[in-house]
PDB file of N, CA and C in Angstrom:
ATOM      1  N   UNK A   1     -50.935  18.634-115.598  1.00  0.00           N
ATOM      2  CA  UNK A   1     -51.366  17.760-114.532  1.00  0.00           C
ATOM      3  C   UNK A   1     -50.200  17.420-113.610  1.00  0.00           C
ATOM      4  N   UNK A   2     -49.038  17.142-114.192  1.00  0.00           N
ATOM      5  CA  UNK A   2     -47.864  16.834-113.385  1.00  0.00           C
ATOM      6  C   UNK A   2     -47.404  18.079-112.626  1.00  0.00           C
ATOM      7  N   UNK A   3     -47.552  19.252-113.260  1.00  0.00           N
ATOM      8  CA  UNK A   3     -47.175  20.496-112.588  1.00  0.00           C
ATOM      9  C   UNK A   3     -48.064  20.770-111.391  1.00  0.00           C
ATOM     10  N   UNK A   4     -49.334  20.430-111.501  1.00  0.00           N
ATOM     11  CA  UNK A   4     -50.255  20.637-110.383  1.00  0.00           C
ATOM     12  C   UNK A   4     -49.864  19.769-109.189  1.00  0.00           C
ATOM     13  N   UNK A   5     -49.448  18.522-109.487  1.00  0.00           N
ATOM     14  CA  UNK A   5     -49.023  17.637-108.398  1.00  0.00           C
ATOM     15  C   UNK A   5     -47.766  18.170-107.729  1.00  0.00           C
ATOM     16  N   UNK A   6     -46.835  18.681-108.534  1.00  0.00           N
ATOM     17  CA  UNK A   6     -45.613  19.239-107.960  1.00  0.00           C
ATOM     18  C   UNK A   6     -45.927  20.452-107.096  1.00  0.00           C
ATOM     19  N   UNK A   7     -46.812  21.307-107.566  1.00  0.00           N
ATOM     20  CA  UNK A   7     -47.164  22.501-106.795  1.00  0.00           C
ATOM     21  C   UNK A   7     -47.913  22.133-105.521  1.00  0.00           C
ATOM     22  N   UNK A   8     -48.758  21.106-105.572  1.00  0.00           N
ATOM     23  CA  UNK A   8     -49.513  20.693-104.398  1.00  0.00           C
ATOM     24  C   UNK A   8     -48.599  20.118-103.329  1.00  0.00           C
ATOM     25  N   UNK A   9     -47.558  19.410-103.754  1.00  0.00           N
ATOM     26  CA  UNK A   9     -46.624  18.807-102.799  1.00  0.00           C
ATOM     27  C   UNK A   9     -45.572  19.807-102.328  1.00  0.00           C
ATOM     28  N   UNK A  10     -45.421  20.894-103.010  1.00  0.00           N
ATOM     29  CA  UNK A  10     -44.417  21.876-102.610  1.00  0.00           C
ATOM     30  C   UNK A  10     -43.034  21.529-103.116  1.00  0.00           C
ATOM     31  N   UNK A  11     -42.958  20.746-104.179  1.00  0.00           N
ATOM     32  CA  UNK A  11     -41.657  20.333-104.704  1.00  0.00           C
ATOM     33  C   UNK A  11     -41.176  21.214-105.846  1.00  0.00           C
ATOM     34  N   UNK A  12     -41.844  22.284-106.111  1.00  0.00           N
ATOM     35  CA  UNK A  12     -41.459  23.159-107.191  1.00  0.00           C
ATOM     36  C   UNK A  12     -40.188  23.902-106.799  1.00  0.00           C
ATOM     37  N   UNK A  13     -39.163  23.845-107.647  1.00  0.00           N
ATOM     38  CA  UNK A  13     -37.880  24.457-107.326  1.00  0.00           C
ATOM     39  C   UNK A  13     -37.968  25.972-107.267  1.00  0.00           C
ATOM     40  N   UNK A  14     -38.833  26.574-108.057  1.00  0.00           N
ATOM     41  CA  UNK A  14     -38.957  28.025-108.059  1.00  0.00           C
ATOM     42  C   UNK A  14     -39.518  28.526-106.737  1.00  0.00           C
ATOM     43  N   UNK A  15     -40.459  27.791-106.156  1.00  0.00           N
ATOM     44  CA  UNK A  15     -41.073  28.215-104.907  1.00  0.00           C
ATOM     45  C   UNK A  15     -40.145  28.036-103.713  1.00  0.00           C
ATOM     46  N   UNK A  16     -39.234  27.091-103.795  1.00  0.00           N
ATOM     47  CA  UNK A  16     -38.307  26.859-102.679  1.00  0.00           C
ATOM     48  C   UNK A  16     -37.337  28.008-102.489  1.00  0.00           C
ATOM     49  N   UNK A  17     -36.917  28.628-103.563  1.00  0.00           N
ATOM     50  CA  UNK A  17     -35.917  29.678-103.488  1.00  0.00           C
ATOM     51  C   UNK A  17     -36.478  31.015-103.030  1.00  0.00           C
ATOM     52  N   UNK A  18     -37.801  31.207-103.095  1.00  0.00           N
ATOM     53  CA  UNK A  18     -38.405  32.483-102.719  1.00  0.00           C
ATOM     54  C   UNK A  18     -38.422  32.649-101.201  1.00  0.00           C
ATOM     55  N   UNK A  19     -38.117  33.873-100.770  1.00  0.00           N
ATOM     56  CA  UNK A  19     -38.179  34.196 -99.347  1.00  0.00           C
ATOM     57  C   UNK A  19     -39.351  35.145 -99.135  1.00  0.00           C
ATOM     58  N   UNK A  20     -40.006  34.968 -98.006  1.00  0.00           N
ATOM     59  CA  UNK A  20     -41.101  35.866 -97.670  1.00  0.00           C
ATOM     60  C   UNK A  20     -40.536  37.187 -97.177  1.00  0.00           C
ATOM     61  N   UNK A  21     -41.012  38.287 -97.701  1.00  0.00           N
ATOM     62  CA  UNK A  21     -40.524  39.580 -97.200  1.00  0.00           C
ATOM     63  C   UNK A  21     -41.103  39.867 -95.815  1.00  0.00           C
ATOM     64  N   UNK A  22     -40.264  40.382 -94.926  1.00  0.00           N
ATOM     65  CA  UNK A  22     -40.715  40.744 -93.587  1.00  0.00           C
ATOM     66  C   UNK A  22     -40.987  39.562 -92.679  1.00  0.00           C
ATOM     67  N   UNK A  23     -40.386  38.435 -92.981  1.00  0.00           N
ATOM     68  CA  UNK A  23     -40.635  37.231 -92.194  1.00  0.00           C
ATOM     69  C   UNK A  23     -40.130  37.391 -90.758  1.00  0.00           C
ATOM     70  N   UNK A  24     -38.973  37.993 -90.580  1.00  0.00           N
ATOM     71  CA  UNK A  24     -38.405  38.166 -89.244  1.00  0.00           C
ATOM     72  C   UNK A  24     -39.234  39.172 -88.452  1.00  0.00           C
ATOM     73  N   UNK A  25     -39.624  40.252 -89.117  1.00  0.00           N
ATOM     74  CA  UNK A  25     -40.442  41.263 -88.449  1.00  0.00           C
ATOM     75  C   UNK A  25     -41.774  40.652 -87.997  1.00  0.00           C
ATOM     76  N   UNK A  26     -42.394  39.834 -88.842  1.00  0.00           N
ATOM     77  CA  UNK A  26     -43.669  39.199 -88.490  1.00  0.00           C
ATOM     78  C   UNK A  26     -43.483  38.225 -87.332  1.00  0.00           C
ATOM     79  N   UNK A  27     -42.340  37.522 -87.320  1.00  0.00           N
ATOM     80  CA  UNK A  27     -42.088  36.571 -86.223  1.00  0.00           C
ATOM     81  C   UNK A  27     -42.017  37.313 -84.886  1.00  0.00           C
ATOM     82  N   UNK A  28     -41.279  38.429 -84.846  1.00  0.00           N
ATOM     83  CA  UNK A  28     -41.177  39.202 -83.607  1.00  0.00           C
ATOM     84  C   UNK A  28     -42.539  39.783 -83.211  1.00  0.00           C
ATOM     85  N   UNK A  29     -43.307  40.244 -84.192  1.00  0.00           N
ATOM     86  CA  UNK A  29     -44.627  40.786 -83.905  1.00  0.00           C
ATOM     87  C   UNK A  29     -45.522  39.708 -83.293  1.00  0.00           C
ATOM     88  N   UNK A  30     -45.512  38.521 -83.869  1.00  0.00           N
ATOM     89  CA  UNK A  30     -46.291  37.405 -83.321  1.00  0.00           C
ATOM     90  C   UNK A  30     -45.790  36.998 -81.939  1.00  0.00           C
ATOM     91  N   UNK A  31     -44.477  37.023 -81.771  1.00  0.00           N
ATOM     92  CA  UNK A  31     -43.874  36.652 -80.492  1.00  0.00           C
ATOM     93  C   UNK A  31     -44.355  37.574 -79.376  1.00  0.00           C
ATOM     94  N   UNK A  32     -44.292  38.882 -79.614  1.00  0.00           N
ATOM     95  CA  UNK A  32     -44.695  39.830 -78.580  1.00  0.00           C
ATOM     96  C   UNK A  32     -46.211  39.838 -78.377  1.00  0.00           C
ATOM     97  N   UNK A  33     -46.969  39.564 -79.417  1.00  0.00           N
ATOM     98  CA  UNK A  33     -48.419  39.490 -79.220  1.00  0.00           C
ATOM     99  C   UNK A  33     -48.790  38.272 -78.383  1.00  0.00           C
ATOM    100  N   UNK A  34     -48.056  37.170 -78.517  1.00  0.00           N
ATOM    101  CA  UNK A  34     -48.307  35.995 -77.675  1.00  0.00           C
ATOM    102  C   UNK A  34     -47.876  36.252 -76.229  1.00  0.00           C
ATOM    103  N   UNK A  35     -46.803  37.014 -76.041  1.00  0.00           N
ATOM    104  CA  UNK A  35     -46.369  37.352 -74.690  1.00  0.00           C
ATOM    105  C   UNK A  35     -47.406  38.208 -73.971  1.00  0.00           C
ATOM    106  N   UNK A  36     -48.132  39.046 -74.696  1.00  0.00           N
ATOM    107  CA  UNK A  36     -49.169  39.863 -74.080  1.00  0.00           C
ATOM    108  C   UNK A  36     -50.333  39.020 -73.583  1.00  0.00           C
ATOM    109  N   UNK A  37     -50.532  37.840 -74.181  1.00  0.00           N
ATOM    110  CA  UNK A  37     -51.637  36.968 -73.796  1.00  0.00           C
ATOM    111  C   UNK A  37     -51.329  36.144 -72.544  1.00  0.00           C
ATOM    112  N   UNK A  38     -50.069  36.114 -72.152  1.00  0.00           N
ATOM    113  CA  UNK A  38     -49.665  35.303 -70.999  1.00  0.00           C
ATOM    114  C   UNK A  38     -50.176  35.950 -69.725  1.00  0.00           C
ATOM    115  N   UNK A  39     -50.712  35.122 -68.816  1.00  0.00           N
ATOM    116  CA  UNK A  39     -51.116  35.628 -67.509  1.00  0.00           C
ATOM    117  C   UNK A  39     -49.961  35.377 -66.547  1.00  0.00           C
ATOM    118  N   UNK A  40     -49.320  36.447 -66.133  1.00  0.00           N
ATOM    119  CA  UNK A  40     -48.170  36.345 -65.269  1.00  0.00           C
ATOM    120  C   UNK A  40     -48.620  36.255 -63.821  1.00  0.00           C
ATOM    121  N   UNK A  41     -47.966  35.409 -62.995  1.00  0.00           N
ATOM    122  CA  UNK A  41     -48.351  35.312 -61.581  1.00  0.00           C
ATOM    123  C   UNK A  41     -47.913  36.548 -60.806  1.00  0.00           C
ATOM    124  N   UNK A  42     -48.590  36.778 -59.687  1.00  0.00           N
ATOM    125  CA  UNK A  42     -48.219  37.920 -58.852  1.00  0.00           C
ATOM    126  C   UNK A  42     -46.906  37.611 -58.121  1.00  0.00           C
ATOM    127  N   UNK A  43     -46.313  38.678 -57.594  1.00  0.00           N
ATOM    128  CA  UNK A  43     -45.020  38.518 -56.919  1.00  0.00           C
ATOM    129  C   UNK A  43     -45.148  37.639 -55.684  1.00  0.00           C
ATOM    130  N   UNK A  44     -46.247  37.796 -54.938  1.00  0.00           N
ATOM    131  CA  UNK A  44     -46.423  36.974 -53.733  1.00  0.00           C
ATOM    132  C   UNK A  44     -46.600  35.496 -54.086  1.00  0.00           C
ATOM    133  N   UNK A  45     -47.286  35.234 -55.192  1.00  0.00           N
ATOM    134  CA  UNK A  45     -47.459  33.839 -55.625  1.00  0.00           C
ATOM    135  C   UNK A  45     -46.123  33.230 -56.045  1.00  0.00           C
ATOM    136  N   UNK A  46     -45.302  34.033 -56.710  1.00  0.00           N
ATOM    137  CA  UNK A  46     -43.969  33.564 -57.119  1.00  0.00           C
ATOM    138  C   UNK A  46     -43.134  33.241 -55.889  1.00  0.00           C
ATOM    139  N   UNK A  47     -43.204  34.097 -54.872  1.00  0.00           N
ATOM    140  CA  UNK A  47     -42.442  33.850 -53.644  1.00  0.00           C
ATOM    141  C   UNK A  47     -42.904  32.569 -52.952  1.00  0.00           C
ATOM    142  N   UNK A  48     -44.225  32.358 -52.886  1.00  0.00           N
ATOM    143  CA  UNK A  48     -44.744  31.150 -52.248  1.00  0.00           C
ATOM    144  C   UNK A  48     -44.299  29.898 -52.997  1.00  0.00           C
ATOM    145  N   UNK A  49     -44.398  29.936 -54.319  1.00  0.00           N
ATOM    146  CA  UNK A  49     -44.008  28.769 -55.114  1.00  0.00           C
ATOM    147  C   UNK A  49     -42.501  28.521 -55.037  1.00  0.00           C
ATOM    148  N   UNK A  50     -41.709  29.573 -54.976  1.00  0.00           N
ATOM    149  CA  UNK A  50     -40.265  29.416 -54.817  1.00  0.00           C
ATOM    150  C   UNK A  50     -39.944  28.785 -53.471  1.00  0.00           C
ATOM    151  N   UNK A  51     -40.666  29.211 -52.426  1.00  0.00           N
ATOM    152  CA  UNK A  51     -40.475  28.620 -51.101  1.00  0.00           C
ATOM    153  C   UNK A  51     -40.812  27.137 -51.087  1.00  0.00           C
ATOM    154  N   UNK A  52     -41.889  26.752 -51.783  1.00  0.00           N
ATOM    155  CA  UNK A  52     -42.265  25.338 -51.857  1.00  0.00           C
ATOM    156  C   UNK A  52     -41.181  24.534 -52.571  1.00  0.00           C
ATOM    157  N   UNK A  53     -40.668  25.076 -53.657  1.00  0.00           N
ATOM    158  CA  UNK A  53     -39.612  24.371 -54.405  1.00  0.00           C
ATOM    159  C   UNK A  53     -38.368  24.205 -53.537  1.00  0.00           C
ATOM    160  N   UNK A  54     -37.970  25.257 -52.844  1.00  0.00           N
ATOM    161  CA  UNK A  54     -36.785  25.163 -51.985  1.00  0.00           C
ATOM    162  C   UNK A  54     -37.000  24.167 -50.849  1.00  0.00           C
ATOM    163  N   UNK A  55     -38.205  24.135 -50.281  1.00  0.00           N
ATOM    164  CA  UNK A  55     -38.513  23.179 -49.222  1.00  0.00           C
ATOM    165  C   UNK A  55     -38.417  21.744 -49.730  1.00  0.00           C
ATOM    166  N   UNK A  56     -38.957  21.482 -50.910  1.00  0.00           N
ATOM    167  CA  UNK A  56     -38.888  20.133 -51.483  1.00  0.00           C
ATOM    168  C   UNK A  56     -37.441  19.746 -51.761  1.00  0.00           C
ATOM    169  N   UNK A  57     -36.649  20.672 -52.250  1.00  0.00           N
ATOM    170  CA  UNK A  57     -35.230  20.387 -52.527  1.00  0.00           C
ATOM    171  C   UNK A  57     -34.498  20.039 -51.239  1.00  0.00           C
ATOM    172  N   UNK A  58     -34.747  20.782 -50.174  1.00  0.00           N
ATOM    173  CA  UNK A  58     -34.079  20.521 -48.893  1.00  0.00           C
ATOM    174  C   UNK A  58     -34.512  19.164 -48.334  1.00  0.00           C
ATOM    175  N   UNK A  59     -35.807  18.836 -48.437  1.00  0.00           N
ATOM    176  CA  UNK A  59     -36.288  17.536 -47.945  1.00  0.00           C
ATOM    177  C   UNK A  59     -35.609  16.403 -48.709  1.00  0.00           C
ATOM    178  N   UNK A  60     -35.556  16.510 -50.034  1.00  0.00           N
ATOM    179  CA  UNK A  60     -34.889  15.461 -50.810  1.00  0.00           C
ATOM    180  C   UNK A  60     -33.402  15.391 -50.495  1.00  0.00           C
ATOM    181  N   UNK A  61     -32.780  16.536 -50.247  1.00  0.00           N
ATOM    182  CA  UNK A  61     -31.373  16.558 -49.859  1.00  0.00           C
ATOM    183  C   UNK A  61     -31.155  15.782 -48.572  1.00  0.00           C
ATOM    184  N   UNK A  62     -32.016  16.022 -47.579  1.00  0.00           N
ATOM    185  CA  UNK A  62     -31.885  15.312 -46.299  1.00  0.00           C
ATOM    186  C   UNK A  62     -32.129  13.814 -46.461  1.00  0.00           C
ATOM    187  N   UNK A  63     -33.115  13.440 -47.272  1.00  0.00           N
ATOM    188  CA  UNK A  63     -33.392  12.014 -47.502  1.00  0.00           C
ATOM    189  C   UNK A  63     -32.197  11.345 -48.169  1.00  0.00           C
ATOM    190  N   UNK A  64     -31.646  11.979 -49.182  1.00  0.00           N
ATOM    191  CA  UNK A  64     -30.495  11.391 -49.878  1.00  0.00           C
ATOM    192  C   UNK A  64     -29.268  11.326 -48.977  1.00  0.00           C
ATOM    193  N   UNK A  65     -29.077  12.327 -48.136  1.00  0.00           N
ATOM    194  CA  UNK A  65     -27.954  12.288 -47.203  1.00  0.00           C
ATOM    195  C   UNK A  65     -28.134  11.144 -46.204  1.00  0.00           C
ATOM    196  N   UNK A  66     -29.374  10.894 -45.773  1.00  0.00           N
ATOM    197  CA  UNK A  66     -29.655   9.783 -44.868  1.00  0.00           C
ATOM    198  C   UNK A  66     -29.347   8.442 -45.515  1.00  0.00           C
ATOM    199  N   UNK A  67     -29.793   8.267 -46.766  1.00  0.00           N
ATOM    200  CA  UNK A  67     -29.489   7.029 -47.483  1.00  0.00           C
ATOM    201  C   UNK A  67     -27.983   6.856 -47.660  1.00  0.00           C
ATOM    202  N   UNK A  68     -27.292   7.943 -47.961  1.00  0.00           N
ATOM    203  CA  UNK A  68     -25.844   7.877 -48.134  1.00  0.00           C
ATOM    204  C   UNK A  68     -25.166   7.455 -46.841  1.00  0.00           C
ATOM    205  N   UNK A  69     -25.605   7.993 -45.714  1.00  0.00           N
ATOM    206  CA  UNK A  69     -25.004   7.642 -44.423  1.00  0.00           C
ATOM    207  C   UNK A  69     -25.274   6.174 -44.088  1.00  0.00           C
ATOM    208  N   UNK A  70     -26.504   5.706 -44.359  1.00  0.00           N
ATOM    209  CA  UNK A  70     -26.819   4.297 -44.098  1.00  0.00           C
ATOM    210  C   UNK A  70     -25.991   3.357 -44.963  1.00  0.00           C
ATOM    211  N   UNK A  71     -25.851   3.694 -46.228  1.00  0.00           N
ATOM    212  CA  UNK A  71     -25.039   2.854 -47.115  1.00  0.00           C
ATOM    213  C   UNK A  71     -23.569   2.876 -46.713  1.00  0.00           C
ATOM    214  N   UNK A  72     -23.098   4.018 -46.224  1.00  0.00           N
ATOM    215  CA  UNK A  72     -21.712   4.101 -45.758  1.00  0.00           C
ATOM    216  C   UNK A  72     -21.504   3.192 -44.548  1.00  0.00           C
ATOM    217  N   UNK A  73     -22.455   3.224 -43.601  1.00  0.00           N
ATOM    218  CA  UNK A  73     -22.354   2.344 -42.430  1.00  0.00           C
ATOM    219  C   UNK A  73     -22.394   0.870 -42.844  1.00  0.00           C
ATOM    220  N   UNK A  74     -23.268   0.536 -43.769  1.00  0.00           N
ATOM    221  CA  UNK A  74     -23.359  -0.842 -44.251  1.00  0.00           C
ATOM    222  C   UNK A  74     -22.063  -1.270 -44.925  1.00  0.00           C
ATOM    223  N   UNK A  75     -21.475  -0.373 -45.715  1.00  0.00           N
ATOM    224  CA  UNK A  75     -20.218  -0.682 -46.396  1.00  0.00           C
ATOM    225  C   UNK A  75     -19.095  -0.893 -45.384  1.00  0.00           C
ATOM    226  N   UNK A  76     -19.015  -0.012 -44.386  1.00  0.00           N
ATOM    227  CA  UNK A  76     -17.974  -0.157 -43.367  1.00  0.00           C
ATOM    228  C   UNK A  76     -18.166  -1.438 -42.560  1.00  0.00           C
ATOM    229  N   UNK A  77     -19.416  -1.826 -42.303  1.00  0.00           N
ATOM    230  CA  UNK A  77     -19.695  -3.080 -41.598  1.00  0.00           C
ATOM    231  C   UNK A  77     -19.204  -4.267 -42.417  1.00  0.00           C
ATOM    232  N   UNK A  78     -19.461  -4.251 -43.722  1.00  0.00           N
ATOM    233  CA  UNK A  78     -19.009  -5.355 -44.577  1.00  0.00           C
ATOM    234  C   UNK A  78     -17.488  -5.413 -44.639  1.00  0.00           C
ATOM    235  N   UNK A  79     -16.850  -4.277 -44.765  1.00  0.00           N
ATOM    236  CA  UNK A  79     -15.393  -4.234 -44.887  1.00  0.00           C
ATOM    237  C   UNK A  79     -14.725  -4.661 -43.575  1.00  0.00           C
ATOM    238  N   UNK A  80     -15.306  -4.271 -42.444  1.00  0.00           N
ATOM    239  CA  UNK A  80     -14.673  -4.592 -41.164  1.00  0.00           C
ATOM    240  C   UNK A  80     -14.746  -6.085 -40.845  1.00  0.00           C
ATOM    241  N   UNK A  81     -15.687  -6.804 -41.429  1.00  0.00           N
ATOM    242  CA  UNK A  81     -15.825  -8.235 -41.158  1.00  0.00           C
ATOM    243  C   UNK A  81     -15.017  -9.115 -42.112  1.00  0.00           C
ATOM    244  N   UNK A  82     -14.291  -8.518 -43.030  1.00  0.00           N
ATOM    245  CA  UNK A  82     -13.436  -9.298 -43.920  1.00  0.00           C
ATOM    246  C   UNK A  82     -12.101  -9.497 -43.211  1.00  0.00           C
ATOM    247  N   UNK A  83     -11.685 -10.758 -43.023  1.00  0.00           N
ATOM    248  CA  UNK A  83     -10.390 -10.978 -42.354  1.00  0.00           C
ATOM    249  C   UNK A  83      -9.251 -10.496 -43.241  1.00  0.00           C
ATOM    250  N   UNK A  84      -8.203  -9.987 -42.593  1.00  0.00           N
ATOM    251  CA  UNK A  84      -7.081  -9.450 -43.360  1.00  0.00           C
ATOM    252  C   UNK A  84      -6.279 -10.577 -44.023  1.00  0.00           C
ATOM    253  N   UNK A  85      -6.160 -11.720 -43.368  1.00  0.00           N
ATOM    254  CA  UNK A  85      -5.449 -12.880 -43.935  1.00  0.00           C
ATOM    255  C   UNK A  85      -6.422 -14.061 -43.908  1.00  0.00           C
ATOM    256  N   UNK A  86      -6.987 -14.400 -45.058  1.00  0.00           N
ATOM    257  CA  UNK A  86      -7.967 -15.487 -45.086  1.00  0.00           C
ATOM    258  C   UNK A  86      -7.353 -16.816 -44.635  1.00  0.00           C
ATOM    259  N   UNK A  87      -8.167 -17.609 -43.960  1.00  0.00           N
ATOM    260  CA  UNK A  87      -7.704 -18.924 -43.486  1.00  0.00           C
ATOM    261  C   UNK A  87      -7.429 -19.821 -44.679  1.00  0.00           C
ATOM    262  N   UNK A  88      -6.348 -20.572 -44.588  1.00  0.00           N
ATOM    263  CA  UNK A  88      -6.009 -21.526 -45.644  1.00  0.00           C
ATOM    264  C   UNK A  88      -5.261 -20.915 -46.802  1.00  0.00           C
ATOM    265  N   UNK A  89      -4.721 -19.726 -46.633  1.00  0.00           N
ATOM    266  CA  UNK A  89      -4.006 -19.070 -47.726  1.00  0.00           C
ATOM    267  C   UNK A  89      -2.765 -19.856 -48.120  1.00  0.00           C
ATOM    268  N   UNK A  90      -2.063 -20.407 -47.123  1.00  0.00           N
ATOM    269  CA  UNK A  90      -0.852 -21.173 -47.422  1.00  0.00           C
ATOM    270  C   UNK A  90      -1.186 -22.418 -48.230  1.00  0.00           C
ATOM    271  N   UNK A  91      -2.290 -23.085 -47.884  1.00  0.00           N
ATOM    272  CA  UNK A  91      -2.665 -24.300 -48.609  1.00  0.00           C
ATOM    273  C   UNK A  91      -3.050 -23.978 -50.047  1.00  0.00           C
ATOM    274  N   UNK A  92      -3.733 -22.889 -50.235  1.00  0.00           N
ATOM    275  CA  UNK A  92      -4.133 -22.495 -51.591  1.00  0.00           C
ATOM    276  C   UNK A  92      -2.902 -22.134 -52.408  1.00  0.00           C
ATOM    277  N   UNK A  93      -1.957 -21.418 -51.821  1.00  0.00           N
ATOM    278  CA  UNK A  93      -0.737 -21.044 -52.541  1.00  0.00           C
ATOM    279  C   UNK A  93       0.070 -22.279 -52.903  1.00  0.00           C
ATOM    280  N   UNK A  94       0.150 -23.252 -51.982  1.00  0.00           N
ATOM    281  CA  UNK A  94       0.888 -24.479 -52.273  1.00  0.00           C
ATOM    282  C   UNK A  94       0.213 -25.272 -53.385  1.00  0.00           C
ATOM    283  N   UNK A  95      -1.105 -25.345 -53.347  1.00  0.00           N
ATOM    284  CA  UNK A  95      -1.829 -26.066 -54.403  1.00  0.00           C
ATOM    285  C   UNK A  95      -1.629 -25.382 -55.736  1.00  0.00           C
ATOM    286  N   UNK A  96      -1.624 -24.072 -55.749  1.00  0.00           N
ATOM    287  CA  UNK A  96      -1.418 -23.329 -56.983  1.00  0.00           C
ATOM    288  C   UNK A  96      -0.031 -23.589 -57.545  1.00  0.00           C
ATOM    289  N   UNK A  97       1.002 -23.596 -56.654  1.00  0.00           N
ATOM    290  CA  UNK A  97       2.363 -23.879 -57.124  1.00  0.00           C
ATOM    291  C   UNK A  97       2.471 -25.297 -57.656  1.00  0.00           C
ATOM    292  N   UNK A  98       1.791 -26.245 -57.012  1.00  0.00           N
ATOM    293  CA  UNK A  98       1.840 -27.642 -57.450  1.00  0.00           C
ATOM    294  C   UNK A  98       1.188 -27.792 -58.819  1.00  0.00           C
ATOM    295  N   UNK A  99       0.036 -27.161 -58.998  1.00  0.00           N
ATOM    296  CA  UNK A  99      -0.678 -27.253 -60.271  1.00  0.00           C
ATOM    297  C   UNK A  99       0.103 -26.573 -61.376  1.00  0.00           C
ATOM    298  N   UNK A 100       0.734 -25.474 -61.077  1.00  0.00           N
ATOM    299  CA  UNK A 100       1.432 -24.713 -62.088  1.00  0.00           C
ATOM    300  C   UNK A 100       2.804 -25.307 -62.423  1.00  0.00           C
ATOM    301  N   UNK A 101       3.191 -26.365 -61.729  1.00  0.00           N
ATOM    302  CA  UNK A 101       4.456 -27.027 -62.051  1.00  0.00           C
ATOM    303  C   UNK A 101       5.602 -26.546 -61.225  1.00  0.00           C
ATOM    304  N   UNK A 102       5.385 -25.747 -60.235  1.00  0.00           N
ATOM    305  CA  UNK A 102       6.469 -25.227 -59.426  1.00  0.00           C
ATOM    306  C   UNK A 102       6.880 -26.193 -58.321  1.00  0.00           C
ATOM    307  N   UNK A 103       6.099 -27.194 -58.034  1.00  0.00           N
ATOM    308  CA  UNK A 103       6.420 -28.120 -56.957  1.00  0.00           C
ATOM    309  C   UNK A 103       6.242 -27.481 -55.594  1.00  0.00           C
ATOM    310  N   UNK A 104       6.688 -28.157 -54.561  1.00  0.00           N
ATOM    311  CA  UNK A 104       6.549 -27.653 -53.219  1.00  0.00           C
ATOM    312  C   UNK A 104       7.821 -26.991 -52.731  1.00  0.00           C
ATOM    313  N   UNK A 105       8.689 -26.640 -53.615  1.00  0.00           N
ATOM    314  CA  UNK A 105       9.947 -26.011 -53.235  1.00  0.00           C
ATOM    315  C   UNK A 105       9.775 -24.618 -52.867  1.00  0.00           C
TER     316      UNK A 105
END
């Protein structure tokens, strides 16, 4: 009874070590028989679908380049409006020296 359970579950050590003869040959035979069942598209259909894919890629390329250019302009606008020497820098530096114990010297 215990042996039947082991055999049903596939846990028998003797069965694990056995190899099927011709397993690789059968795999290739099945592989090529499945390839024969595939319906391959015609050459003109492949060309049309390739053209559609290339068109979509070019459209997305142009859209992304547009977004990149807009973000670049926005970044340059933000950077150009930052003053090179912020107002009150001397007062902040003096306060920092005073707090840190350096005094106003």
